[in-house]
Amino acid sequence: MELLTKNNYQKQKARFEGIKPGDLVWEVVAREIEFDYHPAIVKNVNVDECYVDVIDVSDRNKNKKYYGFITESEFIQEFPHNPESVKNCIKESYKEYSDVINSVLEKKVK
């Protein structure tokens, strides 16, 4: 495992602190010369151990732990030539998975 410098640790900590339950994150899966992006809904964030508990909506709503993933802003940065299209895709994903997102958020309120 790579040792984190103080600066890298602070960046990573800030990244995880910016993630909230109900947010979308994407697992990036290499496919030959391209990548697939698999969406998941964040349930919990573990800042200290650098992972998120998610509901993987691309895999029959299975509960998983993600250590490697990209956030919404990172997903937009993956496609710098077409950010508006990516933003629209994200917006549609939030609509499509709204029932799962709402169930996560309702459990957090209780």
Protein backbone atom coordinates (compact mmCIF):
# COMPACT_ATOMS: atom_id res chain seq x y z
CA MET A 1 0.00 0.00 0.00
CA GLU A 2 1.28 3.45 -0.88
CA LEU A 3 2.27 5.60 2.04
CA LEU A 4 0.36 8.84 2.08
CA THR A 5 2.13 12.13 2.50
CA LYS A 6 0.47 14.61 4.83
CA ASN A 7 -0.73 16.61 1.82
CA ASN A 8 -2.13 13.54 0.04
CA TYR A 9 -3.80 12.40 3.26
CA GLN A 10 -5.49 15.78 3.65
CA LYS A 11 -6.72 15.67 0.03
CA GLN A 12 -8.04 12.14 0.43
CA LYS A 13 -9.71 13.00 3.74
CA ALA A 14 -11.37 16.06 2.17
CA ARG A 15 -12.55 13.92 -0.76
CA PHE A 16 -14.24 11.41 1.55
CA GLU A 17 -15.68 14.13 3.79
CA GLY A 18 -17.33 15.62 0.69
CA ILE A 19 -19.24 12.41 -0.03
CA LYS A 20 -22.67 12.09 1.55
CA PRO A 21 -25.28 9.32 1.84
CA GLY A 22 -27.50 9.39 -1.23
CA ASP A 23 -24.70 10.56 -3.53
CA LEU A 24 -23.89 8.67 -6.69
CA VAL A 25 -20.40 7.23 -7.20
CA TRP A 26 -19.09 5.09 -10.06
CA GLU A 27 -16.90 2.04 -10.13
CA VAL A 28 -14.65 2.21 -13.19
CA VAL A 29 -14.18 -1.14 -14.93
CA ALA A 30 -11.62 -1.55 -17.72
CA ARG A 31 -12.98 -3.20 -20.89
CA GLU A 32 -10.28 -3.77 -23.51
CA ILE A 33 -9.52 -0.20 -24.67
CA GLU A 34 -12.52 1.49 -23.03
CA PHE A 35 -14.04 1.79 -19.58
CA ASP A 36 -17.47 0.99 -18.17
CA TYR A 37 -18.88 3.12 -15.38
CA HIS A 38 -21.09 1.30 -12.89
CA PRO A 39 -23.24 3.57 -10.69
CA ALA A 40 -23.84 3.00 -7.00
CA ILE A 41 -25.65 4.89 -4.25
CA VAL A 42 -23.64 5.81 -1.16
CA LYS A 43 -25.08 4.50 2.12
CA ASN A 44 -22.23 5.33 4.51
CA VAL A 45 -18.81 6.93 4.29
CA ASN A 46 -15.84 5.75 6.33
CA VAL A 47 -13.39 8.65 6.16
CA ASP A 48 -10.76 7.02 8.39
CA GLU A 49 -10.56 3.78 6.41
CA CYS A 50 -11.19 5.40 3.00
CA TYR A 51 -14.16 3.44 1.72
CA VAL A 52 -17.87 3.86 1.09
CA ASP A 53 -20.69 1.41 1.69
CA VAL A 54 -22.91 1.45 -1.38
CA ILE A 55 -25.94 -0.07 -3.03
CA ASP A 56 -24.67 -1.13 -6.44
CA VAL A 57 -27.63 -0.32 -8.69
CA SER A 58 -25.79 -1.80 -11.66
CA ASP A 59 -25.61 -5.18 -9.91
CA ARG A 60 -29.13 -5.94 -8.64
CA ASN A 61 -28.88 -3.48 -5.73
CA LYS A 62 -26.22 -5.50 -3.93
CA ASN A 63 -24.60 -4.00 -0.85
CA LYS A 64 -20.87 -3.49 -1.43
CA LYS A 65 -17.82 -1.68 -0.11
CA TYR A 66 -16.01 0.53 -2.60
CA TYR A 67 -12.41 1.52 -2.01
CA GLY A 68 -11.84 2.58 -5.61
CA PHE A 69 -14.44 4.73 -7.33
CA ILE A 70 -15.00 8.17 -8.82
CA THR A 71 -17.28 10.86 -7.50
CA GLU A 72 -19.71 13.01 -9.46
CA SER A 73 -17.18 15.80 -10.03
CA GLU A 74 -14.50 13.29 -11.00
CA PHE A 75 -16.92 11.65 -13.44
CA ILE A 76 -17.48 15.02 -15.12
CA GLN A 77 -13.71 15.53 -15.33
CA GLU A 78 -13.35 12.17 -17.13
CA PHE A 79 -15.05 13.74 -20.17
CA PRO A 80 -13.69 17.30 -20.45
CA HIS A 81 -14.87 17.68 -24.06
CA ASN A 82 -18.52 17.03 -23.22
CA PRO A 83 -19.25 18.04 -19.61
CA GLU A 84 -22.87 19.08 -20.27
CA SER A 85 -23.73 15.65 -21.64
CA VAL A 86 -22.19 14.02 -18.56
CA LYS A 87 -24.08 16.37 -16.24
CA ASN A 88 -27.34 15.45 -18.01
CA CYS A 89 -26.49 11.75 -17.67
CA ILE A 90 -25.89 12.24 -13.93
CA LYS A 91 -29.16 14.13 -13.57
CA GLU A 92 -31.02 11.30 -15.31
CA SER A 93 -29.30 8.74 -13.06
CA TYR A 94 -30.50 10.60 -9.97
CA LYS A 95 -34.04 10.44 -11.36
CA GLU A 96 -33.73 6.76 -12.32
CA TYR A 97 -32.43 5.71 -8.91
CA SER A 98 -34.52 8.13 -6.83
CA ASP A 99 -36.36 5.31 -5.01
CA VAL A 100 -33.08 3.78 -3.83
CA ILE A 101 -31.66 7.19 -2.93
CA ASN A 102 -34.78 8.07 -0.94
CA SER A 103 -34.66 4.78 0.95
CA VAL A 104 -31.01 5.45 1.91
CA LEU A 105 -31.84 8.97 3.04
CA GLU A 106 -34.91 7.85 5.00
CA LYS A 107 -32.80 5.31 6.92
CA LYS A 108 -30.31 8.05 7.77
CA VAL A 109 -33.06 10.27 9.20
CA LYS A 110 -34.45 7.58 11.51
